[in-house]
PDB file of all heavy atoms in Angstrom:
ATOM      1  N   ASN A   1       0.816  -1.219   0.000  1.00  0.00           N
ATOM      2  CA  ASN A   1       0.000   0.000   0.000  1.00  0.00           C
ATOM      3  C   ASN A   1       0.845   1.262   0.000  1.00  0.00           C
ATOM      4  O   ASN A   1       0.452   2.273  -0.556  1.00  0.00           O
ATOM      5  CB  ASN A   1      -0.930   0.013   1.210  1.00  0.00           C
ATOM      6  CG  ASN A   1      -2.045  -0.988   1.073  1.00  0.00           C
ATOM      7  OD1 ASN A   1      -2.365  -1.424  -0.023  1.00  0.00           O
ATOM      8  ND2 ASN A   1      -2.624  -1.383   2.192  1.00  0.00           N
ATOM      9  N   GLY A   2       2.021   1.213   0.619  1.00  0.00           N
ATOM     10  CA  GLY A   2       2.864   2.399   0.693  1.00  0.00           C
ATOM     11  C   GLY A   2       3.754   2.588  -0.517  1.00  0.00           C
ATOM     12  O   GLY A   2       4.443   3.594  -0.621  1.00  0.00           O
ATOM     13  N   GLY A   3       3.739   1.630  -1.442  1.00  0.00           N
ATOM     14  CA  GLY A   3       4.603   1.717  -2.617  1.00  0.00           C
ATOM     15  C   GLY A   3       4.145   2.790  -3.582  1.00  0.00           C
ATOM     16  O   GLY A   3       2.963   3.051  -3.722  1.00  0.00           O
ATOM     17  N   HIS A   4       5.088   3.397  -4.260  1.00  0.00           N
ATOM     18  CA  HIS A   4       4.744   4.453  -5.206  1.00  0.00           C
ATOM     19  C   HIS A   4       4.835   3.992  -6.656  1.00  0.00           C
ATOM     20  O   HIS A   4       4.339   4.657  -7.538  1.00  0.00           O
ATOM     21  CB  HIS A   4       5.653   5.667  -4.982  1.00  0.00           C
ATOM     22  CG  HIS A   4       5.510   6.234  -3.610  1.00  0.00           C
ATOM     23  ND1 HIS A   4       4.400   6.911  -3.200  1.00  0.00           N
ATOM     24  CD2 HIS A   4       6.332   6.177  -2.538  1.00  0.00           C
ATOM     25  CE1 HIS A   4       4.540   7.274  -1.934  1.00  0.00           C
ATOM     26  NE2 HIS A   4       5.699   6.841  -1.505  1.00  0.00           N
ATOM     27  N   ARG A   5       5.490   2.841  -6.897  1.00  0.00           N
ATOM     28  CA  ARG A   5       5.600   2.334  -8.258  1.00  0.00           C
ATOM     29  C   ARG A   5       4.324   1.612  -8.641  1.00  0.00           C
ATOM     30  O   ARG A   5       3.699   0.959  -7.825  1.00  0.00           O
ATOM     31  CB  ARG A   5       6.757   1.338  -8.377  1.00  0.00           C
ATOM     32  CG  ARG A   5       8.097   1.933  -8.126  1.00  0.00           C
ATOM     33  CD  ARG A   5       9.135   0.860  -8.231  1.00  0.00           C
ATOM     34  NE  ARG A   5       8.713  -0.288  -7.412  1.00  0.00           N
ATOM     35  CZ  ARG A   5       9.470  -1.312  -7.123  1.00  0.00           C
ATOM     36  NH1 ARG A   5      10.676  -1.385  -7.588  1.00  0.00           N
ATOM     37  NH2 ARG A   5       9.027  -2.294  -6.384  1.00  0.00           N
ATOM     38  N   ARG A   6       3.968   1.687  -9.898  1.00  0.00           N
ATOM     39  CA  ARG A   6       2.807   0.952 -10.392  1.00  0.00           C
ATOM     40  C   ARG A   6       3.239  -0.317 -11.106  1.00  0.00           C
ATOM     41  O   ARG A   6       2.484  -1.243 -11.228  1.00  0.00           O
ATOM     42  CB  ARG A   6       1.976   1.825 -11.321  1.00  0.00           C
ATOM     43  CG  ARG A   6       1.339   2.997 -10.587  1.00  0.00           C
ATOM     44  CD  ARG A   6       0.385   3.754 -11.464  1.00  0.00           C
ATOM     45  NE  ARG A   6      -0.665   2.947 -12.016  1.00  0.00           N
ATOM     46  CZ  ARG A   6      -1.844   2.727 -11.461  1.00  0.00           C
ATOM     47  NH1 ARG A   6      -2.109   3.250 -10.301  1.00  0.00           N
ATOM     48  NH2 ARG A   6      -2.756   2.003 -12.061  1.00  0.00           N
ATOM     49  N   ALA A   7       4.482  -0.346 -11.578  1.00  0.00           N
ATOM     50  CA  ALA A   7       4.991  -1.514 -12.297  1.00  0.00           C
ATOM     51  C   ALA A   7       5.879  -2.339 -11.374  1.00  0.00           C
ATOM     52  O   ALA A   7       6.500  -1.820 -10.460  1.00  0.00           O
ATOM     53  CB  ALA A   7       5.787  -1.070 -13.517  1.00  0.00           C
ATOM     54  N   VAL A   8       5.924  -3.629 -11.643  1.00  0.00           N
ATOM     55  CA  VAL A   8       6.789  -4.531 -10.887  1.00  0.00           C
ATOM     56  C   VAL A   8       8.135  -4.571 -11.589  1.00  0.00           C
ATOM     57  O   VAL A   8       8.241  -5.053 -12.709  1.00  0.00           O
ATOM     58  CB  VAL A   8       6.172  -5.944 -10.817  1.00  0.00           C
ATOM     59  CG1 VAL A   8       7.105  -6.889 -10.089  1.00  0.00           C
ATOM     60  CG2 VAL A   8       4.814  -5.886 -10.144  1.00  0.00           C
ATOM     61  N   VAL A   9       9.179  -4.037 -10.934  1.00  0.00           N
ATOM     62  CA  VAL A   9      10.498  -3.977 -11.549  1.00  0.00           C
ATOM     63  C   VAL A   9      11.545  -4.393 -10.515  1.00  0.00           C
ATOM     64  O   VAL A   9      12.250  -3.554  -9.960  1.00  0.00           O
ATOM     65  CB  VAL A   9      10.811  -2.557 -12.079  1.00  0.00           C
ATOM     66  CG1 VAL A   9      12.108  -2.548 -12.879  1.00  0.00           C
ATOM     67  CG2 VAL A   9       9.669  -2.020 -12.909  1.00  0.00           C
ATOM     68  N   PRO A  10      11.667  -5.700 -10.222  1.00  0.00           N
ATOM     69  CA  PRO A  10      12.688  -6.118  -9.266  1.00  0.00           C
ATOM     70  C   PRO A  10      14.063  -6.092  -9.928  1.00  0.00           C
ATOM     71  O   PRO A  10      14.211  -6.469 -11.086  1.00  0.00           O
ATOM     72  CB  PRO A  10      12.280  -7.543  -8.915  1.00  0.00           C
ATOM     73  CG  PRO A  10      11.541  -8.019 -10.113  1.00  0.00           C
ATOM     74  CD  PRO A  10      10.855  -6.801 -10.686  1.00  0.00           C
ATOM     75  N   GLY A  11      15.031  -5.623  -9.229  1.00  0.00           N
ATOM     76  CA  GLY A  11      16.395  -5.600  -9.751  1.00  0.00           C
ATOM     77  C   GLY A  11      17.212  -6.720  -9.140  1.00  0.00           C
ATOM     78  O   GLY A  11      16.750  -7.432  -8.254  1.00  0.00           O
ATOM     79  N   PRO A  12      18.431  -6.864  -9.589  1.00  0.00           N
ATOM     80  CA  PRO A  12      19.302  -7.885  -9.016  1.00  0.00           C
ATOM     81  C   PRO A  12      19.461  -7.677  -7.512  1.00  0.00           C
ATOM     82  O   PRO A  12      19.698  -6.562  -7.051  1.00  0.00           O
ATOM     83  CB  PRO A  12      20.634  -7.666  -9.732  1.00  0.00           C
ATOM     84  CG  PRO A  12      20.298  -6.919 -10.975  1.00  0.00           C
ATOM     85  CD  PRO A  12      19.079  -6.104 -10.651  1.00  0.00           C
ATOM     86  N   GLY A  13      19.267  -8.728  -6.758  1.00  0.00           N
ATOM     87  CA  GLY A  13      19.382  -8.631  -5.307  1.00  0.00           C
ATOM     88  C   GLY A  13      18.208  -7.949  -4.643  1.00  0.00           C
ATOM     89  O   GLY A  13      18.258  -7.654  -3.454  1.00  0.00           O
ATOM     90  N   GLY A  14      17.131  -7.686  -5.411  1.00  0.00           N
ATOM     91  CA  GLY A  14      15.955  -7.045  -4.839  1.00  0.00           C
ATOM     92  C   GLY A  14      15.335  -7.886  -3.749  1.00  0.00           C
ATOM     93  O   GLY A  14      15.397  -9.110  -3.764  1.00  0.00           O
ATOM     94  N   LYS A  15      14.726  -7.248  -2.792  1.00  0.00           N
ATOM     95  CA  LYS A  15      14.103  -7.943  -1.666  1.00  0.00           C
ATOM     96  C   LYS A  15      12.609  -8.124  -1.952  1.00  0.00           C
ATOM     97  O   LYS A  15      11.908  -7.138  -2.214  1.00  0.00           O
ATOM     98  CB  LYS A  15      14.310  -7.127  -0.399  1.00  0.00           C
ATOM     99  CG  LYS A  15      13.937  -7.853   0.853  1.00  0.00           C
ATOM    100  CD  LYS A  15      14.360  -7.073   2.079  1.00  0.00           C
ATOM    101  CE  LYS A  15      14.056  -7.912   3.295  1.00  0.00           C
ATOM    102  NZ  LYS A  15      14.530  -7.273   4.509  1.00  0.00           N
ATOM    103  N   PRO A  16      12.117  -9.370  -1.899  1.00  0.00           N
ATOM    104  CA  PRO A  16      10.692  -9.604  -2.152  1.00  0.00           C
ATOM    105  C   PRO A  16       9.806  -8.855  -1.149  1.00  0.00           C
ATOM    106  O   PRO A  16      10.177  -8.674   0.009  1.00  0.00           O
ATOM    107  CB  PRO A  16      10.532 -11.111  -1.971  1.00  0.00           C
ATOM    108  CG  PRO A  16      11.894 -11.675  -2.111  1.00  0.00           C
ATOM    109  CD  PRO A  16      12.836 -10.606  -1.642  1.00  0.00           C
ATOM    110  N   VAL A  17       8.647  -8.446  -1.617  1.00  0.00           N
ATOM    111  CA  VAL A  17       7.692  -7.736  -0.764  1.00  0.00           C
ATOM    112  C   VAL A  17       6.985  -8.714   0.169  1.00  0.00           C
ATOM    113  O   VAL A  17       6.732  -8.399   1.329  1.00  0.00           O
ATOM    114  CB  VAL A  17       6.657  -6.991  -1.641  1.00  0.00           C
ATOM    115  CG1 VAL A  17       5.587  -6.338  -0.794  1.00  0.00           C
ATOM    116  CG2 VAL A  17       7.356  -5.958  -2.496  1.00  0.00           C
ATOM    117  N   ARG A  18       6.672  -9.896  -0.333  1.00  0.00           N
ATOM    118  CA  ARG A  18       6.001 -10.932   0.455  1.00  0.00           C
ATOM    119  C   ARG A  18       6.814 -12.223   0.368  1.00  0.00           C
ATOM    120  O   ARG A  18       7.339 -12.553  -0.676  1.00  0.00           O
ATOM    121  CB  ARG A  18       4.589 -11.173  -0.070  1.00  0.00           C
ATOM    122  CG  ARG A  18       3.674  -9.983   0.092  1.00  0.00           C
ATOM    123  CD  ARG A  18       2.325 -10.206  -0.600  1.00  0.00           C
ATOM    124  NE  ARG A  18       1.582  -8.970  -0.628  1.00  0.00           N
ATOM    125  CZ  ARG A  18       1.695  -8.046  -1.570  1.00  0.00           C
ATOM    126  NH1 ARG A  18       2.518  -8.223  -2.581  1.00  0.00           N
ATOM    127  NH2 ARG A  18       0.991  -6.937  -1.521  1.00  0.00           N
ATOM    128  N   GLY A  19       6.842 -12.957   1.462  1.00  0.00           N
ATOM    129  CA  GLY A  19       7.559 -14.224   1.507  1.00  0.00           C
ATOM    130  C   GLY A  19       6.710 -15.390   1.040  1.00  0.00           C
ATOM    131  O   GLY A  19       5.507 -15.259   0.772  1.00  0.00           O
ATOM    132  N   ASP A  20       7.326 -16.564   0.976  1.00  0.00           N
ATOM    133  CA  ASP A  20       6.639 -17.761   0.494  1.00  0.00           C
ATOM    134  C   ASP A  20       5.407 -18.114   1.321  1.00  0.00           C
ATOM    135  O   ASP A  20       4.369 -18.458   0.774  1.00  0.00           O
ATOM    136  CB  ASP A  20       7.605 -18.957   0.493  1.00  0.00           C
ATOM    137  CG  ASP A  20       8.689 -18.822  -0.560  1.00  0.00           C
ATOM    138  OD1 ASP A  20       8.503 -18.049  -1.527  1.00  0.00           O
ATOM    139  OD2 ASP A  20       9.725 -19.495  -0.409  1.00  0.00           O
ATOM    140  N   ALA A  21       5.525 -18.040   2.641  1.00  0.00           N
ATOM    141  CA  ALA A  21       4.400 -18.409   3.499  1.00  0.00           C
ATOM    142  C   ALA A  21       3.190 -17.503   3.238  1.00  0.00           C
ATOM    143  O   ALA A  21       2.060 -17.989   3.135  1.00  0.00           O
ATOM    144  CB  ALA A  21       4.807 -18.352   4.967  1.00  0.00           C
ATOM    145  N   ARG A  22       3.413 -16.208   3.148  1.00  0.00           N
ATOM    146  CA  ARG A  22       2.313 -15.261   2.899  1.00  0.00           C
ATOM    147  C   ARG A  22       1.707 -15.496   1.517  1.00  0.00           C
ATOM    148  O   ARG A  22       0.484 -15.506   1.362  1.00  0.00           O
ATOM    149  CB  ARG A  22       2.830 -13.820   3.015  1.00  0.00           C
ATOM    150  CG  ARG A  22       1.808 -12.763   2.666  1.00  0.00           C
ATOM    151  CD  ARG A  22       0.716 -12.674   3.711  1.00  0.00           C
ATOM    152  NE  ARG A  22      -0.184 -11.585   3.378  1.00  0.00           N
ATOM    153  CZ  ARG A  22      -1.508 -11.717   3.291  1.00  0.00           C
ATOM    154  NH1 ARG A  22      -2.068 -12.871   3.552  1.00  0.00           N
ATOM    155  NH2 ARG A  22      -2.256 -10.699   2.978  1.00  0.00           N
ATOM    156  N   ILE A  23       2.544 -15.707   0.519  1.00  0.00           N
ATOM    157  CA  ILE A  23       2.046 -15.952  -0.837  1.00  0.00           C
ATOM    158  C   ILE A  23       1.208 -17.220  -0.871  1.00  0.00           C
ATOM    159  O   ILE A  23       0.132 -17.246  -1.471  1.00  0.00           O
ATOM    160  CB  ILE A  23       3.219 -16.014  -1.837  1.00  0.00           C
ATOM    161  CG1 ILE A  23       3.831 -14.617  -1.998  1.00  0.00           C
ATOM    162  CG2 ILE A  23       2.756 -16.556  -3.185  1.00  0.00           C
ATOM    163  CD1 ILE A  23       5.120 -14.585  -2.777  1.00  0.00           C
ATOM    164  N   ASN A  24       1.647 -18.275  -0.190  1.00  0.00           N
ATOM    165  CA  ASN A  24       0.868 -19.514  -0.157  1.00  0.00           C
ATOM    166  C   ASN A  24      -0.489 -19.322   0.505  1.00  0.00           C
ATOM    167  O   ASN A  24      -1.489 -19.881   0.058  1.00  0.00           O
ATOM    168  CB  ASN A  24       1.653 -20.624   0.540  1.00  0.00           C
ATOM    169  CG  ASN A  24       2.763 -21.162  -0.327  1.00  0.00           C
ATOM    170  OD1 ASN A  24       2.718 -21.075  -1.549  1.00  0.00           O
ATOM    171  ND2 ASN A  24       3.781 -21.718   0.307  1.00  0.00           N
ATOM    172  N   LYS A  25      -0.532 -18.526   1.563  1.00  0.00           N
ATOM    173  CA  LYS A  25      -1.814 -18.252   2.228  1.00  0.00           C
ATOM    174  C   LYS A  25      -2.751 -17.478   1.305  1.00  0.00           C
ATOM    175  O   LYS A  25      -3.949 -17.757   1.246  1.00  0.00           O
ATOM    176  CB  LYS A  25      -1.592 -17.494   3.530  1.00  0.00           C
ATOM    177  CG  LYS A  25      -0.967 -18.355   4.604  1.00  0.00           C
ATOM    178  CD  LYS A  25      -0.652 -17.561   5.851  1.00  0.00           C
ATOM    179  CE  LYS A  25       0.068 -18.442   6.855  1.00  0.00           C
ATOM    180  NZ  LYS A  25       0.475 -17.698   8.034  1.00  0.00           N
ATOM    181  N   VAL A  26      -2.216 -16.501   0.600  1.00  0.00           N
ATOM    182  CA  VAL A  26      -3.023 -15.720  -0.343  1.00  0.00           C
ATOM    183  C   VAL A  26      -3.551 -16.636  -1.446  1.00  0.00           C
ATOM    184  O   VAL A  26      -4.737 -16.606  -1.790  1.00  0.00           O
ATOM    185  CB  VAL A  26      -2.211 -14.549  -0.939  1.00  0.00           C
ATOM    186  CG1 VAL A  26      -2.945 -13.916  -2.109  1.00  0.00           C
ATOM    187  CG2 VAL A  26      -1.910 -13.518   0.133  1.00  0.00           C
ATOM    188  N   LEU A  27      -2.690 -17.473  -2.003  1.00  0.00           N
ATOM    189  CA  LEU A  27      -3.108 -18.368  -3.084  1.00  0.00           C
ATOM    190  C   LEU A  27      -4.164 -19.364  -2.632  1.00  0.00           C
ATOM    191  O   LEU A  27      -5.088 -19.681  -3.392  1.00  0.00           O
ATOM    192  CB  LEU A  27      -1.895 -19.098  -3.658  1.00  0.00           C
ATOM    193  CG  LEU A  27      -0.891 -18.225  -4.404  1.00  0.00           C
ATOM    194  CD1 LEU A  27       0.310 -19.046  -4.818  1.00  0.00           C
ATOM    195  CD2 LEU A  27      -1.529 -17.540  -5.594  1.00  0.00           C
ATOM    196  N   THR A  28      -4.057 -19.852  -1.409  1.00  0.00           N
ATOM    197  CA  THR A  28      -5.076 -20.774  -0.880  1.00  0.00           C
ATOM    198  C   THR A  28      -6.443 -20.108  -0.866  1.00  0.00           C
ATOM    199  O   THR A  28      -7.436 -20.678  -1.307  1.00  0.00           O
ATOM    200  CB  THR A  28      -4.681 -21.244   0.530  1.00  0.00           C
ATOM    201  OG1 THR A  28      -3.454 -21.959   0.456  1.00  0.00           O
ATOM    202  CG2 THR A  28      -5.756 -22.122   1.146  1.00  0.00           C
ATOM    203  N   ALA A  29      -6.495 -18.891  -0.345  1.00  0.00           N
ATOM    204  CA  ALA A  29      -7.773 -18.165  -0.275  1.00  0.00           C
ATOM    205  C   ALA A  29      -8.309 -17.844  -1.665  1.00  0.00           C
ATOM    206  O   ALA A  29      -9.503 -17.992  -1.927  1.00  0.00           O
ATOM    207  CB  ALA A  29      -7.606 -16.892   0.546  1.00  0.00           C
ATOM    208  N   VAL A  30      -7.434 -17.427  -2.575  1.00  0.00           N
ATOM    209  CA  VAL A  30      -7.870 -17.061  -3.920  1.00  0.00           C
ATOM    210  C   VAL A  30      -8.393 -18.293  -4.654  1.00  0.00           C
ATOM    211  O   VAL A  30      -9.407 -18.224  -5.347  1.00  0.00           O
ATOM    212  CB  VAL A  30      -6.728 -16.377  -4.700  1.00  0.00           C
ATOM    213  CG1 VAL A  30      -7.069 -16.257  -6.179  1.00  0.00           C
ATOM    214  CG2 VAL A  30      -6.443 -15.005  -4.101  1.00  0.00           C
TER     215      VAL A  30
END
């Protein structure tokens, strides 16, 4: 919500916004 970019542009060594556990929980619900 606090991000200002509209596009997803990860660079080398970029830090993910959400981890595997959170992504799996989101995918289960979806």
